[in-house]
Amino acid sequence: MNTLFKALSHPVRRRIIEMLRPGPMTSGDIAAAFPDLSWPTVTGHLNALKEAHLVSPERDGQSIRYRLEISAVEEAIGFLMALSGTGSKETKS
């Protein structure tokens, strides 16, 4: 869980997750969205997301496509909801 929240703590990584919500993207397309960042920096962010199981890579010819792993996102949401008490208590009539 610590790896997951560490990965989510960086704004570039959160933006990558947002970009992947509609569907998979190549690493080149992801990097192009961050013209101020070097390729190794973007790769480092993608690796952090991969280590946290937030994205999964798949080879697509010469490039790598990244796909959002919704189960890790659901795990983080579930943790935060439990922490805040949301959804864990039965409502009383």
Protein backbone atom coordinates (compact mmCIF):
# COMPACT_ATOMS: atom_id res chain seq x y z
CA MET A 1 0.00 0.00 0.00
CA ASN A 2 2.90 2.39 0.72
CA THR A 3 4.22 1.96 -2.83
CA LEU A 4 0.78 2.74 -4.19
CA PHE A 5 0.41 5.98 -2.25
CA LYS A 6 3.99 7.00 -2.96
CA ALA A 7 3.26 6.59 -6.68
CA LEU A 8 0.09 8.66 -6.35
CA SER A 9 1.90 11.42 -4.47
CA HIS A 10 3.50 12.93 -7.59
CA PRO A 11 1.41 15.22 -9.84
CA VAL A 12 2.96 13.88 -13.07
CA ARG A 13 2.00 10.34 -12.10
CA ARG A 14 -1.54 11.41 -11.26
CA ARG A 15 -1.74 13.12 -14.67
CA ILE A 16 -0.53 9.93 -16.39
CA ILE A 17 -3.24 7.94 -14.61
CA GLU A 18 -5.81 10.50 -15.75
CA MET A 19 -4.52 10.22 -19.32
CA LEU A 20 -4.86 6.42 -19.24
CA ARG A 21 -8.46 6.41 -18.02
CA PRO A 22 -9.91 6.44 -21.58
CA GLY A 23 -7.61 3.61 -22.68
CA PRO A 24 -4.02 2.44 -23.24
CA MET A 25 -1.37 4.79 -24.59
CA THR A 26 2.14 4.28 -25.89
CA SER A 27 5.06 5.50 -23.83
CA GLY A 28 5.89 7.92 -26.66
CA ASP A 29 2.41 9.47 -26.54
CA ILE A 30 2.66 9.78 -22.77
CA ALA A 31 6.11 11.39 -23.00
CA ALA A 32 4.86 13.82 -25.67
CA ALA A 33 2.31 15.15 -23.17
CA PHE A 34 5.21 16.30 -20.96
CA PRO A 35 7.52 18.30 -23.26
CA ASP A 36 9.41 19.78 -20.30
CA LEU A 37 10.42 16.33 -19.00
CA SER A 38 13.21 14.17 -20.38
CA TRP A 39 12.46 10.66 -21.64
CA PRO A 40 14.30 9.04 -18.65
CA THR A 41 12.20 11.13 -16.24
CA VAL A 42 8.95 10.00 -17.86
CA THR A 43 10.22 6.41 -17.85
CA GLY A 44 10.96 6.75 -14.13
CA HIS A 45 7.39 7.90 -13.49
CA LEU A 46 6.01 5.02 -15.55
CA ASN A 47 8.20 2.57 -13.62
CA ALA A 48 6.94 3.94 -10.30
CA LEU A 49 3.35 3.46 -11.49
CA LYS A 50 4.21 -0.05 -12.70
CA GLU A 51 5.83 -0.97 -9.35
CA ALA A 52 2.67 0.20 -7.59
CA HIS A 53 0.61 -2.01 -9.95
CA LEU A 54 -1.27 1.07 -11.18
CA VAL A 55 -0.30 0.47 -14.81
CA SER A 56 0.76 -2.54 -16.81
CA PRO A 57 2.98 -2.44 -19.89
CA GLU A 58 2.39 -4.46 -23.03
CA ARG A 59 4.60 -4.60 -26.08
CA ASP A 60 3.01 -3.25 -29.26
CA GLY A 61 5.54 -3.78 -32.03
CA GLN A 62 8.47 -1.46 -31.33
CA SER A 63 6.65 0.51 -28.64
CA ILE A 64 5.21 -0.20 -25.23
CA ARG A 65 1.60 0.58 -24.42
CA TYR A 66 0.57 1.27 -20.85
CA ARG A 67 -2.83 0.31 -19.50
CA LEU A 68 -4.42 1.53 -16.27
CA GLU A 69 -4.90 -1.26 -13.72
CA ILE A 70 -8.19 -0.32 -12.13
CA SER A 71 -7.90 -2.94 -9.35
CA ALA A 72 -5.05 -0.99 -7.72
CA VAL A 73 -7.04 2.23 -7.99
CA GLU A 74 -10.03 0.49 -6.41
CA GLU A 75 -7.79 -0.76 -3.59
CA ALA A 76 -6.61 2.79 -2.85
CA ILE A 77 -10.17 4.13 -2.92
CA GLY A 78 -11.35 1.34 -0.63
CA PHE A 79 -8.56 2.10 1.82
CA LEU A 80 -9.38 5.81 1.86
CA MET A 81 -13.09 5.12 2.29
CA ALA A 82 -12.41 2.78 5.20
CA LEU A 83 -10.05 5.31 6.74
CA SER A 84 -12.66 8.04 6.55
CA GLY A 85 -15.47 5.75 7.66
CA THR A 86 -17.34 6.23 4.38
CA GLY A 87 -19.28 3.18 3.28
CA SER A 88 -18.15 1.03 6.18
CA LYS A 89 -21.03 1.76 8.52
CA GLU A 90 -24.56 0.58 8.10
CA THR A 91 -27.08 3.37 7.88
CA LYS A 92 -29.64 3.44 10.66
CA SER A 93 -33.27 4.07 9.86
